[in-house]
Amino acid sequence: MIAQDADPAITNLQPWMQQLGEGVDARPYGHPSEYEAHVVRRNVEWLTADPVSSVNFTPLHELDGIITPNGLCFERHHSGIAEVDPAEHRVMINGLVETPLVFTMADLMRFPRVNRVHFLECAANSGMEWAGAQLNGCQFTHGMIHNVQYTGVPLRLLLEEAGVRTDGKWLLAEGADAAAMTRSIPMEKALDDCLVAFKMNGEALRPEQGYPVRLVVPGWEGNMWVKWLRRLEVGDQPWEHREETSKYTDLLDNGKARKFTWEMDAKSVITNPSPQAPITHGKGPLVITGIAWSGRGTIPRVDVTTDGGMTWNAARMSGPSFNKSMHRFYYEMDWDGSPLLLQSRAMDSTGYVQPTKDMLRKVRGENSIYHNNGIQTWSVNENGEAENVEIS
């Protein structure tokens, strides 16, 4: 921070200081600086057999605040990206309703709309970590999540238009992609806070995020947020399809599986420092930052430890606190160059406290894939390099 003599970055005229740049029409849809080209979604090639049915990860360590840019929101597809013509797309409501209906996109735009900020987290986020520290970077351990502002029509209004019969207790949401993704949703949730969304962060959904319309199921696992939404069927019981029986259930040690575990429990992760974002400035002032979220409310408090849980300190919460949304926290300290064991521990507005991985394993064992919200540990050495480790 102290000014140095004859720093060429100050004393020399740089090229951009001596020549005209591109005009206003050169980039009709803006894009990041060329010096930020490394900030991209990334996949782990060995996780799946083919990238068409796969996942990539949000670069959490490169972001700040709580809003995820549209071009960095993680993707999860079961049959690749469906490129849907909105003029030819329809959303149908059928089943146990008084009046089966079909909506065009123009029809949907005539209903009252709302704007809400919510996180979307895949139930398999951090799933590889059940068996111990596996992936070296928060992009890969926690990057199956994003947080954006959705604009859409409350699902309740569409169901009221169709007239749900008294025996209509469940809703089947179906996507228009080749996988024909389907999930059963309790009617109570459908009538509560679900949206049929067509915009995110103010612009149209990206194709990889379900363009032209998707379901938003706040606080619940991402597989239920059906993309390219084409049909909503009302029934009197769950459909027991693949994504709620053989998948997205929690296998226990005794061979039985928990199912319908929709809500995402309170969770947090330190994004900086982390394996992909080491400390490069040496000793002195250090800003530790990360994100926290809960499918049951807000996050009023996050604690941070630098010694593996022997002592905890309250982090500073900064930015808006929305229901079922990401929250940003900071912890400032003076680093003396000693090794660190960094952890964060979130508490949500219901009083629930994020558990350790060992606490989770005592209840569910190590066979599970989904809903791992255990505390994450980064080990930072004297050089500022960080590594994924597990201590509890």
Protein backbone atom coordinates (compact mmCIF):
# COMPACT_ATOMS: atom_id res chain seq x y z
CA MET A 1 0.00 0.00 0.00
CA ILE A 2 2.99 2.31 0.40
CA ALA A 3 3.83 4.22 -2.77
CA GLN A 4 7.00 3.01 -4.45
CA ASP A 5 9.53 5.17 -6.30
CA ALA A 6 9.31 5.18 -10.07
CA ASP A 7 6.45 2.66 -10.32
CA PRO A 8 5.98 2.31 -14.10
CA ALA A 9 2.27 1.71 -13.62
CA ILE A 10 2.14 5.33 -12.45
CA THR A 11 4.97 7.03 -14.37
CA ASN A 12 4.47 5.44 -17.81
CA LEU A 13 1.60 6.23 -20.15
CA GLN A 14 -0.29 3.03 -20.86
CA PRO A 15 -1.66 2.20 -24.35
CA TRP A 16 -5.26 2.73 -23.25
CA MET A 17 -4.33 6.25 -22.17
CA GLN A 18 -3.14 7.22 -25.66
CA GLN A 19 -5.64 5.80 -28.14
CA LEU A 20 -9.32 5.74 -28.82
CA GLY A 21 -11.31 2.72 -27.75
CA GLU A 22 -14.23 0.98 -29.41
CA GLY A 23 -17.45 2.92 -29.92
CA VAL A 24 -20.82 2.31 -28.33
CA ASP A 25 -22.00 -0.04 -31.09
CA ALA A 26 -18.99 -2.39 -30.94
CA ARG A 27 -20.51 -4.55 -28.19
CA PRO A 28 -24.31 -4.50 -28.58
CA TYR A 29 -24.56 -7.11 -25.82
CA GLY A 30 -21.85 -6.30 -23.29
CA HIS A 31 -19.37 -8.86 -22.01
CA PRO A 32 -16.73 -8.91 -19.27
CA SER A 33 -13.24 -7.52 -19.64
CA GLU A 34 -10.72 -9.71 -21.45
CA TYR A 35 -8.75 -9.71 -18.20
CA GLU A 36 -11.64 -11.59 -16.54
CA ALA A 37 -11.71 -14.38 -19.13
CA HIS A 38 -10.81 -16.95 -16.46
CA VAL A 39 -14.06 -16.30 -14.57
CA VAL A 40 -16.22 -19.03 -16.08
CA ARG A 41 -18.32 -22.03 -15.18
CA ARG A 42 -16.28 -25.22 -15.11
CA ASN A 43 -17.12 -28.91 -15.08
CA VAL A 44 -15.40 -31.97 -13.64
CA GLU A 45 -15.02 -34.30 -16.59
CA TRP A 46 -14.90 -37.55 -14.65
CA LEU A 47 -18.14 -36.89 -12.75
CA THR A 48 -20.40 -37.98 -15.63
CA ALA A 49 -20.11 -40.11 -18.72
CA ASP A 50 -21.22 -37.38 -21.10
CA PRO A 51 -21.49 -33.57 -20.83
CA VAL A 52 -25.02 -33.64 -22.32
CA SER A 53 -26.33 -35.09 -19.07
CA SER A 54 -24.04 -33.36 -16.61
CA VAL A 55 -23.33 -30.32 -14.47
CA ASN A 56 -20.97 -27.38 -14.38
CA PHE A 57 -20.16 -25.13 -11.44
CA THR A 58 -20.50 -21.46 -10.50
CA PRO A 59 -17.10 -19.80 -9.78
CA LEU A 60 -18.07 -18.71 -6.27
CA HIS A 61 -14.49 -17.71 -5.41
CA GLU A 62 -14.55 -15.02 -8.13
CA LEU A 63 -17.82 -13.39 -7.02
CA ASP A 64 -18.89 -10.99 -4.32
CA GLY A 65 -22.21 -9.67 -3.05
CA ILE A 66 -25.18 -12.03 -3.40
CA ILE A 67 -26.32 -11.84 -7.05
CA THR A 68 -24.92 -14.38 -9.50
CA PRO A 69 -24.39 -13.01 -13.04
CA ASN A 70 -26.59 -14.85 -15.54
CA GLY A 71 -23.64 -16.12 -17.55
CA LEU A 72 -22.06 -17.75 -14.47
CA CYS A 73 -25.09 -19.59 -13.02
CA PHE A 74 -24.30 -23.29 -12.80
CA GLU A 75 -26.02 -25.65 -15.24
CA ARG A 76 -27.53 -29.09 -14.67
CA HIS A 77 -29.07 -30.89 -17.65
CA HIS A 78 -30.46 -34.36 -18.17
CA SER A 79 -30.60 -34.20 -21.97
CA GLY A 80 -28.70 -31.07 -22.92
CA ILE A 81 -29.97 -27.52 -23.43
CA ALA A 82 -33.41 -27.32 -25.03
CA GLU A 83 -33.56 -24.47 -27.56
CA VAL A 84 -37.27 -23.58 -27.37
CA ASP A 85 -39.10 -21.18 -29.69
CA PRO A 86 -41.31 -19.11 -27.36
CA ALA A 87 -43.87 -18.59 -30.12
CA GLU A 88 -44.37 -22.37 -30.25
CA HIS A 89 -44.21 -22.98 -26.51
CA ARG A 90 -47.26 -23.66 -24.35
CA VAL A 91 -47.89 -24.27 -20.65
CA MET A 92 -50.80 -26.61 -19.96
CA ILE A 93 -52.70 -27.20 -16.70
CA ASN A 94 -54.71 -30.43 -16.59
CA GLY A 95 -55.78 -33.20 -14.23
CA LEU A 96 -57.98 -32.52 -11.21
CA VAL A 97 -59.03 -29.02 -12.23
CA GLU A 98 -62.38 -27.50 -13.12
CA THR A 99 -61.12 -26.05 -16.42
CA PRO A 100 -58.05 -27.45 -18.20
CA LEU A 101 -56.09 -24.53 -19.64
CA VAL A 102 -53.31 -23.87 -22.15
CA PHE A 103 -51.26 -20.67 -21.89
CA THR A 104 -49.08 -19.08 -24.53
CA MET A 105 -46.18 -16.93 -23.42
CA ALA A 106 -48.29 -13.88 -24.30
CA ASP A 107 -51.05 -15.20 -22.02
CA LEU A 108 -48.63 -15.56 -19.11
CA MET A 109 -47.44 -11.99 -19.55
CA ARG A 110 -50.97 -10.73 -18.82
CA PHE A 111 -51.01 -12.07 -15.26
CA PRO A 112 -49.73 -9.98 -12.31
CA ARG A 113 -46.02 -10.58 -11.84
CA VAL A 114 -43.61 -10.32 -8.92
CA ASN A 115 -39.84 -10.00 -8.41
CA ARG A 116 -38.08 -12.16 -5.83
CA VAL A 117 -34.45 -13.01 -5.05
CA HIS A 118 -33.85 -16.70 -4.30
CA PHE A 119 -31.01 -19.21 -4.32
CA LEU A 120 -31.23 -22.37 -6.42
CA GLU A 121 -29.10 -25.21 -5.05
CA CYS A 122 -28.80 -28.69 -6.51
CA ALA A 123 -29.46 -31.34 -3.85
CA ALA A 124 -26.15 -32.95 -4.91
CA ASN A 125 -24.15 -29.83 -4.09
CA SER A 126 -21.22 -30.96 -1.88
CA GLY A 127 -22.31 -34.56 -2.47
CA MET A 128 -18.80 -35.75 -3.26
CA GLU A 129 -17.69 -34.60 0.21
CA TRP A 130 -19.74 -37.22 2.12
CA ALA A 131 -16.79 -39.61 1.95
CA GLY A 132 -14.24 -36.98 2.99
CA ALA A 133 -12.41 -34.08 1.35
CA GLN A 134 -12.50 -34.68 -2.41
CA LEU A 135 -12.59 -31.63 -4.67
CA ASN A 136 -10.07 -28.83 -4.22
CA GLY A 137 -11.99 -25.62 -4.71
CA CYS A 138 -15.28 -24.11 -3.52
CA GLN A 139 -16.35 -23.85 -7.17
CA PHE A 140 -16.44 -27.66 -7.18
CA THR A 141 -17.45 -28.40 -3.60
CA HIS A 142 -20.22 -25.78 -3.39
CA GLY A 143 -20.68 -24.34 -6.89
CA MET A 144 -23.95 -26.08 -7.78
CA ILE A 145 -25.79 -22.99 -6.60
CA HIS A 146 -26.72 -19.55 -7.84
CA ASN A 147 -28.74 -16.64 -6.54
CA VAL A 148 -30.70 -14.33 -8.84
CA GLN A 149 -33.77 -12.13 -9.00
CA TYR A 150 -36.63 -13.96 -10.70
CA THR A 151 -39.53 -12.23 -12.39
CA GLY A 152 -42.64 -14.30 -12.90
CA VAL A 153 -46.26 -15.11 -12.19
CA PRO A 154 -47.20 -16.65 -8.83
CA LEU A 155 -48.14 -20.24 -9.59
CA ARG A 156 -51.14 -19.81 -7.32
CA LEU A 157 -52.76 -17.42 -9.81
CA LEU A 158 -52.55 -19.92 -12.67
CA LEU A 159 -53.93 -22.73 -10.53
CA GLU A 160 -56.77 -20.50 -9.35
CA GLU A 161 -57.57 -19.72 -12.98
CA ALA A 162 -57.90 -23.44 -13.70
CA GLY A 163 -59.76 -24.16 -10.45
CA VAL A 164 -58.08 -26.90 -8.41
CA ARG A 165 -60.58 -29.51 -7.23
CA THR A 166 -60.79 -30.35 -3.53
CA ASP A 167 -59.08 -33.70 -4.12
CA GLY A 168 -56.16 -32.02 -5.90
CA LYS A 169 -53.35 -32.46 -3.35
CA TRP A 170 -50.29 -32.78 -5.60
CA LEU A 171 -48.87 -31.16 -8.70
CA LEU A 172 -46.73 -32.79 -11.40
CA ALA A 173 -44.41 -30.34 -13.18
CA GLU A 174 -43.07 -31.47 -16.56
CA GLY A 175 -40.34 -29.95 -18.73
CA ALA A 176 -40.21 -29.72 -22.51
CA ASP A 177 -36.66 -31.07 -22.90
CA ALA A 178 -35.93 -34.52 -24.32
CA ALA A 179 -35.59 -35.92 -20.78
CA ALA A 180 -39.22 -34.96 -20.01
CA MET A 181 -38.15 -34.04 -16.49
CA THR A 182 -40.98 -34.45 -13.98
CA ARG A 183 -41.32 -33.83 -10.25
CA SER A 184 -44.21 -34.13 -7.79
CA ILE A 185 -44.84 -31.03 -5.67
CA PRO A 186 -47.26 -30.79 -2.71
CA MET A 187 -50.16 -28.46 -3.43
CA GLU A 188 -49.44 -26.50 -0.24
CA LYS A 189 -46.05 -25.46 -1.63
CA ALA A 190 -47.44 -24.77 -5.10
CA LEU A 191 -50.00 -22.37 -3.64
CA ASP A 192 -47.50 -20.76 -1.27
CA ASP A 193 -44.47 -19.16 -2.93
CA CYS A 194 -43.77 -20.94 -6.25
CA LEU A 195 -43.38 -18.87 -9.41
CA VAL A 196 -43.65 -19.51 -13.12
CA ALA A 197 -40.66 -17.34 -14.06
CA PHE A 198 -39.61 -15.92 -17.43
CA LYS A 199 -36.85 -13.48 -16.44
CA MET A 200 -33.78 -13.57 -14.21
CA ASN A 201 -31.82 -10.50 -13.15
CA GLY A 202 -34.07 -8.42 -15.38
CA GLU A 203 -33.49 -10.21 -18.69
CA ALA A 204 -35.03 -13.26 -20.29
CA LEU A 205 -33.99 -16.62 -18.88
CA ARG A 206 -30.92 -18.03 -20.62
CA PRO A 207 -31.60 -21.25 -22.61
CA GLU A 208 -29.50 -23.23 -20.12
CA GLN A 209 -31.68 -21.87 -17.31
CA GLY A 210 -34.99 -22.91 -18.88
CA TYR A 211 -35.91 -20.29 -21.49
CA PRO A 212 -38.62 -19.27 -22.08
CA VAL A 213 -40.21 -20.28 -18.75
CA ARG A 214 -39.29 -22.32 -15.69
CA LEU A 215 -40.67 -23.23 -12.30
CA VAL A 216 -39.21 -21.55 -9.18
CA VAL A 217 -39.63 -23.51 -5.93
CA PRO A 218 -37.98 -21.28 -3.29
CA GLY A 219 -35.83 -23.00 -0.68
CA TRP A 220 -36.35 -26.49 -2.13
CA GLU A 221 -33.90 -28.69 -4.05
CA GLY A 222 -33.06 -27.53 -7.56
CA ASN A 223 -34.31 -30.65 -9.36
CA MET A 224 -37.86 -29.50 -8.57
CA TRP A 225 -37.32 -26.19 -10.38
CA VAL A 226 -38.40 -27.73 -13.68
CA LYS A 227 -36.94 -25.90 -16.70
CA TRP A 228 -38.64 -25.36 -20.07
CA LEU A 229 -41.93 -25.82 -18.17
CA ARG A 230 -44.69 -27.21 -20.41
CA ARG A 231 -47.24 -28.97 -18.21
CA LEU A 232 -48.71 -28.87 -14.71
CA GLU A 233 -50.94 -31.81 -13.82
CA VAL A 234 -53.02 -31.77 -10.63
CA GLY A 235 -53.46 -35.13 -8.89
CA ASP A 236 -54.42 -36.66 -5.56
CA GLN A 237 -51.08 -38.33 -4.77
CA PRO A 238 -47.37 -38.07 -5.71
CA TRP A 239 -46.38 -39.68 -9.02
CA GLU A 240 -43.30 -41.49 -7.61
CA HIS A 241 -41.27 -40.82 -10.76
CA ARG A 242 -37.55 -41.49 -11.16
CA GLU A 243 -36.35 -38.16 -9.75
CA GLU A 244 -38.13 -38.75 -6.43
CA THR A 245 -37.50 -42.49 -5.95
CA SER A 246 -34.22 -43.82 -7.37
CA LYS A 247 -32.79 -40.28 -7.43
CA TYR A 248 -32.95 -37.34 -5.01
CA THR A 249 -33.55 -39.57 -2.00
CA ASP A 250 -31.10 -39.97 0.87
CA LEU A 251 -29.72 -43.50 1.28
CA LEU A 252 -29.06 -44.37 4.93
CA ASP A 253 -26.65 -46.90 6.44
CA ASN A 254 -29.45 -49.43 7.01
CA GLY A 255 -30.30 -49.54 3.30
CA LYS A 256 -33.46 -47.52 3.64
CA ALA A 257 -33.78 -44.10 2.02
CA ARG A 258 -35.35 -40.85 3.14
CA LYS A 259 -37.50 -39.34 0.42
CA PHE A 260 -39.35 -36.04 -0.04
CA THR A 261 -36.48 -34.24 1.71
CA TRP A 262 -37.10 -31.11 -0.31
CA GLU A 263 -35.97 -28.24 1.92
CA MET A 264 -32.34 -27.16 1.73
CA ASP A 265 -30.93 -26.75 5.23
CA ALA A 266 -28.79 -23.81 6.33
CA LYS A 267 -25.33 -23.92 4.79
CA SER A 268 -22.30 -21.70 4.25
CA VAL A 269 -18.85 -21.69 2.71
CA ILE A 270 -15.84 -19.38 2.83
CA THR A 271 -15.11 -18.40 -0.76
CA ASN A 272 -11.92 -16.37 -0.09
CA PRO A 273 -9.36 -17.53 0.87
CA SER A 274 -9.97 -20.95 -0.66
CA PRO A 275 -8.04 -23.38 -2.86
CA GLN A 276 -8.75 -21.43 -6.06
CA ALA A 277 -8.26 -18.08 -4.30
CA PRO A 278 -5.07 -18.22 -2.20
CA ILE A 279 -3.70 -15.37 -0.13
CA THR A 280 -1.22 -13.62 -2.43
CA HIS A 281 -0.50 -10.38 -0.57
CA GLY A 282 1.42 -11.84 2.36
CA LYS A 283 1.06 -10.86 6.00
CA GLY A 284 -1.17 -8.02 7.14
CA PRO A 285 -4.84 -7.09 6.69
CA LEU A 286 -6.91 -10.00 5.39
CA VAL A 287 -10.56 -10.06 4.35
CA ILE A 288 -12.24 -13.43 4.77
CA THR A 289 -15.56 -13.66 2.93
CA GLY A 290 -18.19 -16.18 1.98
CA ILE A 291 -21.86 -16.89 1.45
CA ALA A 292 -24.60 -18.49 3.53
CA TRP A 293 -28.17 -19.52 2.75
CA SER A 294 -31.17 -21.42 4.09
CA GLY A 295 -34.28 -22.91 2.50
CA ARG A 296 -36.26 -22.03 5.62
CA GLY A 297 -35.68 -18.29 5.92
CA THR A 298 -32.91 -15.75 6.30
CA ILE A 299 -29.39 -15.92 7.77
CA PRO A 300 -29.04 -13.46 10.67
CA ARG A 301 -25.64 -14.77 11.80
CA VAL A 302 -22.52 -16.52 10.52
CA ASP A 303 -19.57 -17.39 12.74
CA VAL A 304 -16.03 -17.82 11.41
CA THR A 305 -13.13 -19.74 12.93
CA THR A 306 -9.49 -19.54 11.89
CA ASP A 307 -8.28 -22.33 14.19
CA GLY A 308 -10.52 -25.24 13.22
CA GLY A 309 -13.34 -24.53 15.64
CA MET A 310 -11.48 -23.89 18.90
CA THR A 311 -12.62 -20.26 18.83
CA TRP A 312 -15.43 -18.66 16.84
CA ASN A 313 -16.06 -15.02 15.93
CA ALA A 314 -19.21 -13.41 14.58
CA ALA A 315 -18.81 -12.40 10.94
CA ARG A 316 -20.08 -9.11 9.57
CA MET A 317 -23.23 -9.57 7.49
CA SER A 318 -23.39 -7.16 4.54
CA GLY A 319 -26.00 -6.54 1.88
CA PRO A 320 -29.72 -7.32 1.66
CA SER A 321 -31.21 -10.19 3.64
CA PHE A 322 -33.94 -11.81 1.56
CA ASN A 323 -35.97 -14.89 2.44
CA LYS A 324 -34.50 -18.10 0.98
CA SER A 325 -31.64 -16.17 -0.58
CA MET A 326 -27.85 -16.01 -0.32
CA HIS A 327 -26.30 -13.80 2.34
CA ARG A 328 -22.81 -12.32 2.17
CA PHE A 329 -20.53 -12.28 5.20
CA TYR A 330 -17.07 -10.83 5.93
CA TYR A 331 -14.53 -11.30 8.66
CA GLU A 332 -11.55 -8.96 8.74
CA MET A 333 -8.35 -9.87 10.55
CA ASP A 334 -4.63 -9.17 10.63
CA TRP A 335 -2.83 -12.26 9.34
CA ASP A 336 0.61 -12.95 10.82
CA GLY A 337 1.48 -15.68 8.34
CA SER A 338 0.58 -18.57 10.64
CA PRO A 339 -1.34 -21.57 9.22
CA LEU A 340 -5.13 -21.27 9.32
CA LEU A 341 -7.99 -23.76 9.52
CA LEU A 342 -10.90 -21.78 8.12
CA GLN A 343 -14.55 -22.68 8.68
CA SER A 344 -17.88 -20.87 8.61
CA ARG A 345 -21.03 -21.83 10.52
CA ALA A 346 -24.42 -20.41 9.55
CA MET A 347 -27.47 -19.95 11.75
CA ASP A 348 -30.82 -19.34 10.05
CA SER A 349 -33.88 -17.40 11.22
CA THR A 350 -35.48 -20.56 12.66
CA GLY A 351 -32.53 -21.01 15.05
CA TYR A 352 -31.10 -23.98 13.12
CA VAL A 353 -27.28 -24.12 13.26
CA GLN A 354 -25.20 -25.62 10.44
CA PRO A 355 -23.77 -28.97 11.63
CA THR A 356 -20.36 -30.55 11.20
CA LYS A 357 -19.98 -33.38 8.67
CA ASP A 358 -19.50 -35.86 11.52
CA MET A 359 -22.82 -34.80 13.04
CA LEU A 360 -24.53 -35.48 9.72
CA ARG A 361 -22.85 -38.86 9.30
CA LYS A 362 -24.02 -40.00 12.73
CA VAL A 363 -27.58 -39.62 11.46
CA ARG A 364 -27.25 -40.56 7.79
CA GLY A 365 -24.00 -42.46 7.36
CA GLU A 366 -21.74 -42.09 4.32
CA ASN A 367 -23.89 -43.63 1.58
CA SER A 368 -25.84 -40.48 0.78
CA ILE A 369 -25.27 -38.18 -2.18
CA TYR A 370 -27.73 -35.41 -1.51
CA HIS A 371 -28.32 -32.66 1.07
CA ASN A 372 -24.82 -32.36 2.53
CA ASN A 373 -24.79 -29.07 4.43
CA GLY A 374 -21.87 -29.89 6.69
CA ILE A 375 -19.27 -27.32 7.70
CA GLN A 376 -16.43 -26.96 5.14
CA THR A 377 -12.76 -26.62 6.15
CA TRP A 378 -9.92 -24.97 4.22
CA SER A 379 -6.35 -25.41 5.46
CA VAL A 380 -4.19 -22.37 4.64
CA ASN A 381 -0.39 -22.70 4.91
CA GLU A 382 2.29 -20.07 5.58
CA ASN A 383 2.44 -19.22 1.86
CA GLY A 384 -1.29 -18.49 1.72
CA GLU A 385 -2.11 -21.64 -0.27
CA ALA A 386 -5.39 -23.29 0.66
CA GLU A 387 -6.45 -26.94 0.51
CA ASN A 388 -9.69 -28.83 1.10
CA VAL A 389 -9.38 -30.85 4.32
CA GLU A 390 -11.70 -32.39 6.86
CA ILE A 391 -11.27 -32.19 10.63
CA SER A 392 -14.81 -32.83 11.94
